[in-house]
N, C-alpha and C. Protein backbone atom coordinates (compact mmCIF):
# COMPACT_ATOMS: atom_id res chain seq x y z
N PRO A 1 105.04 114.06 88.22
CA PRO A 1 104.76 115.33 87.58
C PRO A 1 103.85 115.22 86.37
N ASP A 2 103.42 113.99 86.01
CA ASP A 2 102.60 113.86 84.80
C ASP A 2 101.15 114.26 85.02
N GLY A 3 100.73 114.42 86.26
CA GLY A 3 99.37 114.83 86.55
C GLY A 3 98.33 113.76 86.28
N GLY A 4 98.80 112.54 86.00
CA GLY A 4 97.88 111.45 85.70
C GLY A 4 97.12 110.97 86.91
N GLU A 5 95.89 110.55 86.68
CA GLU A 5 95.07 110.00 87.76
C GLU A 5 95.45 108.55 87.99
N GLN A 6 95.54 108.16 89.26
CA GLN A 6 95.83 106.78 89.63
C GLN A 6 94.57 106.16 90.25
N ALA A 7 94.47 104.86 90.15
CA ALA A 7 93.28 104.17 90.66
C ALA A 7 93.18 104.22 92.17
N MET A 8 94.33 104.27 92.86
CA MET A 8 94.30 104.17 94.32
C MET A 8 95.56 104.78 94.90
N CYS A 9 95.42 105.43 96.03
CA CYS A 9 96.55 105.92 96.83
C CYS A 9 96.19 105.64 98.28
N GLY A 10 96.91 104.71 98.90
CA GLY A 10 96.59 104.32 100.28
C GLY A 10 96.73 105.47 101.26
N ASN A 11 97.85 106.18 101.19
CA ASN A 11 98.03 107.31 102.10
C ASN A 11 97.08 108.45 101.75
N GLY A 12 96.78 108.62 100.48
CA GLY A 12 95.80 109.62 100.08
C GLY A 12 94.43 109.32 100.66
N ALA A 13 94.05 108.05 100.65
CA ALA A 13 92.76 107.64 101.24
C ALA A 13 92.75 107.92 102.74
N ARG A 14 93.87 107.67 103.41
CA ARG A 14 93.94 107.95 104.85
C ARG A 14 93.79 109.45 105.11
N CYS A 15 94.42 110.27 104.26
CA CYS A 15 94.33 111.72 104.43
C CYS A 15 92.92 112.24 104.14
N VAL A 16 92.28 111.68 103.12
CA VAL A 16 90.89 112.06 102.82
C VAL A 16 90.00 111.72 104.01
N ALA A 17 90.19 110.55 104.59
CA ALA A 17 89.39 110.15 105.75
C ALA A 17 89.60 111.11 106.91
N ARG A 18 90.86 111.44 107.20
CA ARG A 18 91.15 112.38 108.29
C ARG A 18 90.46 113.71 108.06
N MET A 19 90.59 114.27 106.86
CA MET A 19 90.01 115.58 106.58
C MET A 19 88.48 115.53 106.59
N ALA A 20 87.91 114.49 105.99
CA ALA A 20 86.44 114.37 105.97
C ALA A 20 85.90 114.30 107.39
N PHE A 21 86.61 113.60 108.27
CA PHE A 21 86.18 113.50 109.67
C PHE A 21 86.36 114.84 110.38
N GLU A 22 87.50 115.48 110.20
CA GLU A 22 87.78 116.73 110.91
C GLU A 22 86.82 117.85 110.54
N ILE A 23 86.40 117.92 109.28
CA ILE A 23 85.50 119.02 108.88
C ILE A 23 84.03 118.64 109.04
N GLY A 24 83.78 117.44 109.56
CA GLY A 24 82.41 117.02 109.81
C GLY A 24 81.67 116.49 108.60
N TYR A 25 82.39 116.19 107.55
CA TYR A 25 81.77 115.68 106.33
C TYR A 25 81.39 114.21 106.46
N ALA A 26 82.12 113.48 107.32
CA ALA A 26 81.88 112.04 107.48
C ALA A 26 82.13 111.64 108.93
N PRO A 27 81.49 110.55 109.37
CA PRO A 27 81.77 110.04 110.71
C PRO A 27 83.15 109.37 110.74
N ALA A 28 83.55 108.88 111.89
CA ALA A 28 84.88 108.27 112.05
C ALA A 28 85.04 107.00 111.20
N VAL A 29 83.93 106.34 110.90
CA VAL A 29 83.97 105.15 110.04
C VAL A 29 83.25 105.51 108.75
N MET A 30 83.91 105.31 107.61
CA MET A 30 83.34 105.76 106.33
C MET A 30 83.80 104.88 105.19
N MET A 31 83.17 105.05 104.04
CA MET A 31 83.59 104.40 102.80
C MET A 31 84.05 105.49 101.85
N ILE A 32 85.16 105.21 101.13
CA ILE A 32 85.70 106.15 100.16
C ILE A 32 85.72 105.45 98.81
N GLU A 33 85.14 106.11 97.80
CA GLU A 33 85.15 105.52 96.47
C GLU A 33 86.44 105.90 95.75
N THR A 34 87.15 104.88 95.24
CA THR A 34 88.38 105.10 94.49
C THR A 34 88.26 104.43 93.12
N GLY A 35 89.19 104.69 92.26
CA GLY A 35 89.21 104.03 90.96
C GLY A 35 89.42 102.54 91.05
N ALA A 36 89.96 102.07 92.19
CA ALA A 36 90.19 100.64 92.40
C ALA A 36 89.03 99.98 93.15
N GLY A 37 88.04 100.76 93.55
CA GLY A 37 86.90 100.21 94.28
C GLY A 37 86.68 100.95 95.59
N LEU A 38 85.68 100.50 96.35
CA LEU A 38 85.35 101.12 97.63
C LEU A 38 86.39 100.74 98.67
N VAL A 39 86.78 101.73 99.48
CA VAL A 39 87.76 101.54 100.54
C VAL A 39 87.10 101.91 101.86
N HIS A 40 87.16 101.00 102.82
CA HIS A 40 86.65 101.25 104.17
C HIS A 40 87.73 102.01 104.94
N ALA A 41 87.35 103.10 105.62
CA ALA A 41 88.31 103.90 106.38
C ALA A 41 87.78 104.13 107.78
N GLU A 42 88.71 104.24 108.73
CA GLU A 42 88.34 104.45 110.12
C GLU A 42 89.36 105.36 110.79
N VAL A 43 88.87 106.46 111.38
CA VAL A 43 89.73 107.38 112.12
C VAL A 43 89.79 106.88 113.56
N LEU A 44 91.01 106.60 114.03
CA LEU A 44 91.24 106.03 115.36
C LEU A 44 92.20 106.95 116.11
N GLY A 45 91.69 108.05 116.65
CA GLY A 45 92.57 109.02 117.31
C GLY A 45 93.49 109.66 116.29
N GLU A 46 94.80 109.59 116.53
CA GLU A 46 95.78 110.15 115.60
C GLU A 46 96.00 109.26 114.38
N GLN A 47 95.58 108.00 114.49
CA GLN A 47 95.80 107.03 113.42
C GLN A 47 94.58 106.94 112.51
N VAL A 48 94.83 106.59 111.26
CA VAL A 48 93.74 106.31 110.32
C VAL A 48 94.05 104.98 109.66
N ARG A 49 93.05 104.09 109.66
CA ARG A 49 93.21 102.77 109.04
C ARG A 49 92.28 102.67 107.84
N VAL A 50 92.82 102.17 106.73
CA VAL A 50 92.00 101.91 105.55
C VAL A 50 92.15 100.44 105.17
N THR A 51 91.06 99.88 104.66
CA THR A 51 91.09 98.53 104.12
C THR A 51 91.30 98.65 102.62
N LEU A 52 92.40 98.10 102.14
CA LEU A 52 92.73 98.21 100.73
C LEU A 52 91.95 97.20 99.90
N THR A 53 91.92 97.42 98.61
CA THR A 53 91.30 96.44 97.73
C THR A 53 92.12 95.15 97.78
N THR A 54 91.48 94.04 97.49
CA THR A 54 92.15 92.73 97.57
C THR A 54 93.34 92.69 96.61
N PRO A 55 94.52 92.30 97.12
CA PRO A 55 95.69 92.20 96.23
C PRO A 55 95.44 91.20 95.10
N THR A 56 95.90 91.56 93.90
CA THR A 56 95.73 90.70 92.73
C THR A 56 97.06 90.58 91.99
N ASP A 57 97.10 89.66 91.07
CA ASP A 57 98.23 89.50 90.15
C ASP A 57 99.56 89.34 90.88
N LEU A 58 99.55 88.53 91.95
CA LEU A 58 100.76 88.31 92.74
C LEU A 58 101.69 87.35 92.01
N LYS A 59 102.93 87.77 91.83
CA LYS A 59 103.94 86.95 91.15
C LYS A 59 105.24 87.01 91.94
N LEU A 60 105.80 85.84 92.24
CA LEU A 60 107.06 85.76 92.95
C LEU A 60 108.19 85.41 92.00
N ASP A 61 109.38 85.87 92.35
CA ASP A 61 110.62 85.49 91.64
C ASP A 61 110.52 85.69 90.13
N LEU A 62 110.22 86.90 89.73
CA LEU A 62 110.13 87.21 88.30
C LEU A 62 111.51 87.10 87.65
N ALA A 63 111.54 86.55 86.46
CA ALA A 63 112.78 86.44 85.69
C ALA A 63 113.00 87.75 84.95
N MET A 64 113.84 88.62 85.53
CA MET A 64 114.07 89.93 84.94
C MET A 64 115.54 90.18 84.64
N GLY A 65 116.37 89.16 84.76
CA GLY A 65 117.78 89.32 84.47
C GLY A 65 118.54 90.09 85.53
N LEU A 66 118.02 90.15 86.74
CA LEU A 66 118.69 90.84 87.83
C LEU A 66 119.25 89.81 88.81
N ASP A 67 120.22 90.22 89.61
CA ASP A 67 120.78 89.31 90.60
C ASP A 67 120.05 89.42 91.94
N ARG A 68 118.86 89.96 91.92
CA ARG A 68 118.03 90.12 93.11
C ARG A 68 116.67 89.49 92.88
N THR A 69 116.02 89.12 93.98
CA THR A 69 114.64 88.62 93.90
C THR A 69 113.72 89.80 93.59
N VAL A 70 112.89 89.63 92.58
CA VAL A 70 111.92 90.66 92.20
C VAL A 70 110.54 90.00 92.18
N ASP A 71 109.61 90.59 92.91
CA ASP A 71 108.23 90.11 92.96
C ASP A 71 107.31 91.24 92.51
N SER A 72 106.04 90.91 92.27
CA SER A 72 105.08 91.97 91.95
C SER A 72 103.69 91.59 92.46
N VAL A 73 102.90 92.63 92.71
CA VAL A 73 101.51 92.46 93.14
C VAL A 73 100.79 93.79 92.91
N ASP A 74 99.49 93.71 92.69
CA ASP A 74 98.66 94.90 92.54
C ASP A 74 97.87 95.08 93.84
N THR A 75 98.13 96.16 94.56
CA THR A 75 97.43 96.46 95.81
C THR A 75 96.52 97.68 95.64
N GLY A 76 95.94 97.78 94.47
CA GLY A 76 95.14 98.95 94.08
C GLY A 76 95.79 99.62 92.90
N VAL A 77 97.10 99.58 92.86
CA VAL A 77 97.95 99.97 91.73
C VAL A 77 99.10 98.97 91.69
N PRO A 78 99.75 98.79 90.53
CA PRO A 78 100.79 97.76 90.43
C PRO A 78 102.10 98.16 91.12
N HIS A 79 102.71 97.17 91.77
CA HIS A 79 103.98 97.38 92.46
C HIS A 79 104.92 96.23 92.17
N ALA A 80 106.18 96.56 91.90
CA ALA A 80 107.26 95.58 91.87
C ALA A 80 108.07 95.80 93.15
N VAL A 81 108.58 94.71 93.71
CA VAL A 81 109.41 94.81 94.91
C VAL A 81 110.72 94.09 94.64
N VAL A 82 111.82 94.82 94.82
CA VAL A 82 113.16 94.26 94.68
C VAL A 82 113.72 94.13 96.10
N TRP A 83 114.10 92.91 96.46
CA TRP A 83 114.63 92.66 97.81
C TRP A 83 116.13 92.90 97.80
N VAL A 84 116.59 93.80 98.66
CA VAL A 84 117.99 94.24 98.68
C VAL A 84 118.58 94.03 100.07
N ASP A 85 119.90 94.23 100.17
CA ASP A 85 120.59 94.12 101.46
C ASP A 85 120.59 95.42 102.23
N ASP A 86 120.45 96.54 101.52
CA ASP A 86 120.54 97.86 102.15
C ASP A 86 119.77 98.86 101.29
N VAL A 87 118.63 99.34 101.76
CA VAL A 87 117.83 100.25 100.94
C VAL A 87 118.50 101.60 100.76
N SER A 88 119.32 102.01 101.72
CA SER A 88 119.96 103.32 101.62
C SER A 88 121.01 103.35 100.51
N GLY A 89 121.52 102.19 100.12
CA GLY A 89 122.54 102.14 99.08
C GLY A 89 122.00 102.05 97.66
N VAL A 90 120.69 102.01 97.51
CA VAL A 90 120.08 101.87 96.18
C VAL A 90 120.11 103.21 95.45
N ASP A 91 120.59 103.20 94.21
CA ASP A 91 120.50 104.38 93.34
C ASP A 91 119.06 104.40 92.82
N LEU A 92 118.18 105.03 93.58
CA LEU A 92 116.75 104.93 93.33
C LEU A 92 116.34 105.51 91.98
N MET A 93 116.94 106.61 91.58
CA MET A 93 116.56 107.21 90.30
C MET A 93 116.92 106.28 89.14
N ARG A 94 118.08 105.68 89.17
CA ARG A 94 118.50 104.80 88.08
C ARG A 94 117.79 103.46 88.15
N CYS A 95 117.88 102.80 89.31
CA CYS A 95 117.29 101.46 89.44
C CYS A 95 115.77 101.50 89.44
N GLY A 96 115.20 102.50 90.12
CA GLY A 96 113.75 102.63 90.15
C GLY A 96 113.16 102.85 88.78
N ARG A 97 113.78 103.73 88.02
CA ARG A 97 113.31 104.01 86.66
C ARG A 97 113.41 102.76 85.79
N ALA A 98 114.51 102.00 85.94
CA ALA A 98 114.69 100.78 85.13
C ALA A 98 113.61 99.75 85.42
N ILE A 99 113.27 99.56 86.70
CA ILE A 99 112.20 98.61 87.06
C ILE A 99 110.86 99.15 86.60
N ARG A 100 110.60 100.42 86.86
CA ARG A 100 109.31 101.04 86.52
C ARG A 100 109.00 100.90 85.03
N GLN A 101 110.03 101.00 84.18
CA GLN A 101 109.83 100.96 82.73
C GLN A 101 110.20 99.61 82.11
N HIS A 102 110.48 98.61 82.92
CA HIS A 102 110.91 97.30 82.41
C HIS A 102 109.81 96.68 81.54
N LYS A 103 110.21 95.99 80.48
CA LYS A 103 109.25 95.38 79.56
C LYS A 103 108.31 94.40 80.25
N GLN A 104 108.73 93.83 81.38
CA GLN A 104 107.88 92.92 82.16
C GLN A 104 106.57 93.60 82.55
N PHE A 105 106.61 94.93 82.71
CA PHE A 105 105.44 95.67 83.20
C PHE A 105 104.82 96.58 82.13
N ALA A 106 105.20 96.38 80.88
CA ALA A 106 104.66 97.19 79.78
C ALA A 106 103.18 96.86 79.57
N PRO A 107 102.38 97.79 79.08
CA PRO A 107 102.81 99.11 78.64
C PRO A 107 102.72 100.19 79.73
N ALA A 108 101.93 99.97 80.79
CA ALA A 108 101.67 101.03 81.76
C ALA A 108 102.81 101.26 82.74
N GLY A 109 103.67 100.26 82.92
CA GLY A 109 104.73 100.39 83.91
C GLY A 109 104.23 100.05 85.30
N THR A 110 105.11 100.20 86.28
CA THR A 110 104.79 99.83 87.65
C THR A 110 105.48 100.77 88.62
N ASN A 111 105.05 100.76 89.86
CA ASN A 111 105.78 101.42 90.93
C ASN A 111 106.91 100.48 91.34
N ALA A 112 108.07 101.01 91.66
CA ALA A 112 109.22 100.18 92.01
C ALA A 112 109.62 100.41 93.46
N ASN A 113 109.57 99.33 94.24
CA ASN A 113 109.92 99.40 95.66
C ASN A 113 111.18 98.58 95.91
N PHE A 114 112.01 99.06 96.82
CA PHE A 114 113.22 98.36 97.23
C PHE A 114 113.09 98.15 98.73
N ALA A 115 113.22 96.90 99.17
CA ALA A 115 112.88 96.59 100.55
C ALA A 115 113.83 95.57 101.16
N ILE A 116 113.84 95.57 102.49
CA ILE A 116 114.63 94.62 103.26
C ILE A 116 113.82 94.19 104.48
N VAL A 117 113.96 92.93 104.86
CA VAL A 117 113.39 92.44 106.11
C VAL A 117 114.42 92.69 107.20
N GLU A 118 114.05 93.46 108.21
CA GLU A 118 114.96 93.79 109.30
C GLU A 118 115.06 92.63 110.29
N PRO A 119 116.14 92.57 111.10
CA PRO A 119 116.29 91.49 112.08
C PRO A 119 115.12 91.36 113.06
N ASP A 120 114.43 92.49 113.36
CA ASP A 120 113.30 92.43 114.29
C ASP A 120 111.99 92.03 113.62
N GLY A 121 112.04 91.72 112.31
CA GLY A 121 110.84 91.31 111.59
C GLY A 121 110.07 92.44 110.95
N SER A 122 110.50 93.68 111.17
CA SER A 122 109.87 94.80 110.48
C SER A 122 110.45 94.90 109.07
N LEU A 123 109.91 95.80 108.29
CA LEU A 123 110.36 96.00 106.91
C LEU A 123 110.79 97.45 106.73
N THR A 124 111.79 97.67 105.89
CA THR A 124 112.20 99.01 105.51
C THR A 124 112.13 99.10 103.99
N MET A 125 111.61 100.22 103.48
CA MET A 125 111.40 100.32 102.04
C MET A 125 111.67 101.72 101.52
N ARG A 126 111.94 101.79 100.22
CA ARG A 126 111.97 103.04 99.46
C ARG A 126 111.18 102.79 98.18
N THR A 127 110.54 103.85 97.69
CA THR A 127 109.66 103.71 96.52
C THR A 127 109.98 104.73 95.44
N TYR A 128 110.09 104.23 94.21
CA TYR A 128 110.12 105.07 93.01
C TYR A 128 108.71 105.01 92.45
N GLU A 129 108.00 106.15 92.49
CA GLU A 129 106.58 106.14 92.16
C GLU A 129 106.30 106.48 90.70
N ARG A 130 105.53 105.60 90.08
CA ARG A 130 105.07 105.81 88.71
C ARG A 130 104.22 107.08 88.67
N GLY A 131 104.46 107.93 87.68
CA GLY A 131 103.72 109.19 87.58
C GLY A 131 104.46 110.33 88.26
N VAL A 132 105.01 110.08 89.43
CA VAL A 132 105.87 111.07 90.09
C VAL A 132 107.24 111.04 89.42
N GLU A 133 107.65 109.84 89.02
CA GLU A 133 108.94 109.58 88.36
C GLU A 133 110.11 110.01 89.24
N ALA A 134 109.96 109.75 90.53
CA ALA A 134 110.99 110.06 91.52
C ALA A 134 110.63 109.32 92.80
N GLU A 135 111.44 109.53 93.83
CA GLU A 135 111.17 108.87 95.10
C GLU A 135 109.98 109.51 95.81
N THR A 136 109.14 108.66 96.38
CA THR A 136 108.06 109.08 97.26
C THR A 136 108.45 108.66 98.66
N LEU A 137 108.34 109.56 99.63
CA LEU A 137 108.86 109.27 100.96
C LEU A 137 107.99 108.32 101.77
N ALA A 138 106.76 108.08 101.35
CA ALA A 138 105.91 107.08 101.99
C ALA A 138 104.84 106.67 100.98
N CYS A 139 104.73 105.40 100.72
CA CYS A 139 103.75 104.89 99.76
C CYS A 139 102.94 103.79 100.45
N GLY A 140 101.67 104.06 100.71
CA GLY A 140 100.84 103.10 101.42
C GLY A 140 100.58 101.82 100.66
N THR A 141 100.21 101.94 99.38
CA THR A 141 99.99 100.72 98.60
C THR A 141 101.30 99.98 98.37
N GLY A 142 102.42 100.73 98.34
CA GLY A 142 103.74 100.09 98.24
C GLY A 142 104.09 99.35 99.51
N ALA A 143 103.80 99.95 100.67
CA ALA A 143 104.04 99.27 101.95
C ALA A 143 103.22 97.99 102.03
N ALA A 144 101.97 98.07 101.56
CA ALA A 144 101.13 96.87 101.54
C ALA A 144 101.71 95.81 100.62
N ALA A 145 102.21 96.22 99.46
CA ALA A 145 102.81 95.27 98.52
C ALA A 145 104.02 94.59 99.14
N VAL A 146 104.89 95.37 99.76
CA VAL A 146 106.09 94.83 100.40
C VAL A 146 105.69 93.82 101.48
N ALA A 147 104.71 94.16 102.31
CA ALA A 147 104.27 93.28 103.39
C ALA A 147 103.63 92.00 102.86
N VAL A 148 102.73 92.14 101.89
CA VAL A 148 102.05 90.98 101.32
C VAL A 148 103.06 90.02 100.70
N LEU A 149 104.02 90.55 99.97
CA LEU A 149 105.01 89.69 99.30
C LEU A 149 105.97 89.05 100.29
N ALA A 150 106.39 89.80 101.31
CA ALA A 150 107.26 89.21 102.34
C ALA A 150 106.54 88.09 103.07
N ALA A 151 105.25 88.29 103.35
CA ALA A 151 104.46 87.24 104.01
C ALA A 151 104.29 86.04 103.10
N GLU A 152 104.09 86.28 101.81
CA GLU A 152 103.94 85.19 100.85
C GLU A 152 105.21 84.34 100.78
N HIS A 153 106.36 84.97 100.91
CA HIS A 153 107.64 84.24 100.95
C HIS A 153 107.81 83.49 102.28
N GLY A 154 107.03 83.86 103.30
CA GLY A 154 107.18 83.26 104.62
C GLY A 154 108.23 83.93 105.48
N TRP A 155 108.66 85.13 105.09
CA TRP A 155 109.71 85.84 105.82
C TRP A 155 109.18 86.59 107.02
N ILE A 156 107.90 86.98 107.01
CA ILE A 156 107.30 87.75 108.11
C ILE A 156 105.87 87.26 108.32
N LYS A 157 105.29 87.69 109.43
CA LYS A 157 103.87 87.47 109.70
C LYS A 157 103.22 88.83 109.92
N LEU A 158 101.98 88.95 109.48
CA LEU A 158 101.23 90.18 109.71
C LEU A 158 100.61 90.13 111.10
N PRO A 159 100.49 91.25 111.81
CA PRO A 159 100.80 92.61 111.37
C PRO A 159 102.31 92.86 111.33
N VAL A 160 102.68 93.83 110.49
CA VAL A 160 104.09 94.19 110.37
C VAL A 160 104.21 95.71 110.25
N THR A 161 105.27 96.23 110.85
CA THR A 161 105.58 97.66 110.72
C THR A 161 106.49 97.85 109.53
N VAL A 162 106.15 98.83 108.70
CA VAL A 162 106.95 99.16 107.52
C VAL A 162 107.53 100.56 107.72
N HIS A 163 108.86 100.65 107.70
CA HIS A 163 109.56 101.92 107.86
C HIS A 163 109.73 102.55 106.48
N CYS A 164 109.24 103.78 106.33
CA CYS A 164 109.31 104.48 105.04
C CYS A 164 110.42 105.53 105.07
N ALA A 165 110.86 105.93 103.89
CA ALA A 165 112.00 106.85 103.76
C ALA A 165 111.75 108.20 104.44
N GLY A 166 110.51 108.63 104.52
CA GLY A 166 110.20 109.92 105.13
C GLY A 166 110.21 109.92 106.64
N GLY A 167 110.45 108.76 107.26
CA GLY A 167 110.53 108.68 108.70
C GLY A 167 109.26 108.25 109.40
N HIS A 168 108.19 108.07 108.67
CA HIS A 168 106.94 107.61 109.27
C HIS A 168 106.80 106.11 109.08
N ASP A 169 106.19 105.47 110.06
CA ASP A 169 105.94 104.04 109.98
C ASP A 169 104.49 103.79 109.61
N LEU A 170 104.27 102.75 108.83
CA LEU A 170 102.94 102.28 108.49
C LEU A 170 102.80 100.86 109.01
N VAL A 171 101.60 100.49 109.40
CA VAL A 171 101.34 99.13 109.88
C VAL A 171 100.41 98.44 108.90
N ILE A 172 100.84 97.29 108.41
CA ILE A 172 100.05 96.49 107.49
C ILE A 172 99.56 95.27 108.25
N ASP A 173 98.26 94.98 108.12
CA ASP A 173 97.66 93.85 108.84
C ASP A 173 96.58 93.24 107.95
N THR A 174 95.94 92.22 108.47
CA THR A 174 94.78 91.64 107.79
C THR A 174 93.58 91.74 108.71
N ASP A 175 92.43 91.92 108.12
CA ASP A 175 91.17 91.95 108.86
C ASP A 175 90.17 91.14 108.05
N GLN A 176 89.86 89.96 108.54
CA GLN A 176 88.94 89.05 107.85
C GLN A 176 89.40 88.81 106.41
N GLY A 177 90.70 88.61 106.24
CA GLY A 177 91.26 88.29 104.94
C GLY A 177 91.58 89.48 104.06
N GLU A 178 91.24 90.68 104.51
CA GLU A 178 91.53 91.88 103.72
C GLU A 178 92.75 92.60 104.31
N ILE A 179 93.49 93.28 103.45
CA ILE A 179 94.70 93.98 103.87
C ILE A 179 94.33 95.37 104.39
N THR A 180 94.86 95.72 105.57
CA THR A 180 94.65 97.05 106.12
C THR A 180 95.97 97.80 106.19
N LEU A 181 95.85 99.12 106.07
CA LEU A 181 96.98 100.05 106.13
C LEU A 181 96.66 101.07 107.20
N MET A 182 97.57 101.23 108.18
CA MET A 182 97.31 102.18 109.26
C MET A 182 98.56 103.02 109.52
N GLY A 183 98.33 104.28 109.81
CA GLY A 183 99.40 105.20 110.17
C GLY A 183 98.80 106.52 110.61
N ASP A 184 99.68 107.41 111.08
CA ASP A 184 99.16 108.70 111.52
C ASP A 184 98.83 109.58 110.32
N ALA A 185 97.91 110.50 110.55
CA ALA A 185 97.52 111.47 109.52
C ALA A 185 97.10 112.73 110.26
N GLU A 186 97.69 113.85 109.89
CA GLU A 186 97.38 115.10 110.57
C GLU A 186 97.32 116.24 109.57
N THR A 187 96.54 117.25 109.91
CA THR A 187 96.45 118.44 109.08
C THR A 187 97.72 119.25 109.25
N VAL A 188 98.37 119.61 108.15
CA VAL A 188 99.59 120.40 108.23
C VAL A 188 99.38 121.83 107.74
N PHE A 189 98.33 122.08 106.98
CA PHE A 189 97.99 123.45 106.59
C PHE A 189 96.57 123.48 106.07
N ASP A 190 95.99 124.68 106.05
CA ASP A 190 94.67 124.93 105.46
C ASP A 190 94.85 125.98 104.38
N GLY A 191 94.02 125.92 103.37
CA GLY A 191 94.08 126.91 102.31
C GLY A 191 92.83 126.86 101.47
N GLU A 192 92.75 127.76 100.52
CA GLU A 192 91.63 127.80 99.60
C GLU A 192 92.15 127.87 98.18
N VAL A 193 91.45 127.23 97.27
CA VAL A 193 91.80 127.25 95.86
C VAL A 193 90.60 127.80 95.09
N ASP A 194 90.84 128.77 94.24
CA ASP A 194 89.79 129.33 93.40
C ASP A 194 89.87 128.65 92.03
N TYR A 195 88.93 127.74 91.77
CA TYR A 195 88.91 127.02 90.50
C TYR A 195 88.23 127.82 89.39
N GLY A 196 87.61 128.93 89.77
CA GLY A 196 86.88 129.71 88.77
C GLY A 196 85.78 128.88 88.14
N ASP A 197 85.70 128.89 86.83
CA ASP A 197 84.65 128.12 86.14
C ASP A 197 85.18 126.79 85.61
N ARG A 198 86.33 126.33 86.11
CA ARG A 198 86.92 125.07 85.62
C ARG A 198 86.32 123.83 86.26
N VAL A 199 85.52 123.99 87.28
CA VAL A 199 84.94 122.81 87.95
C VAL A 199 83.47 122.71 87.64
């Protein structure tokens, strides 16, 4: 609710690509400029795949005084990942806020993800999003962070399906060493906004 601009939103980039393609503004393969850098996007039928900026600042097993493994990585925006036994049992508002505002990530804070590696090798996650200050039902850069960190631990291999709280799955993969994010994107409504002389 803070209205702050973020450097990157993976799902936002996928939605921009879908809309730009549907209205004829861009071909199926395009580049999108973000605060984190240029993002390659491709509309593939119902799916949209974006190539994220190269992950940076990867840290495993942070000493945060918790009884859980906590890792962090920047996948366009900063993410912390707490590995848990059951994502549905996490008090996301309390625990997410505590991680998001932890001194380890001062002064800007971080997005807080809670994740588990499923028996089939997929991942399930929930995200407390910085700026929203609440749960986000699907976070693309968060899904990428969870996948990159799980792979770094050697727990999974890419490509991997990430199950998000909103019921949609995202697929994280690598393409020539770069991280890709893919999932469905569809138009759910059309509307018009009158900005007047504010733009």
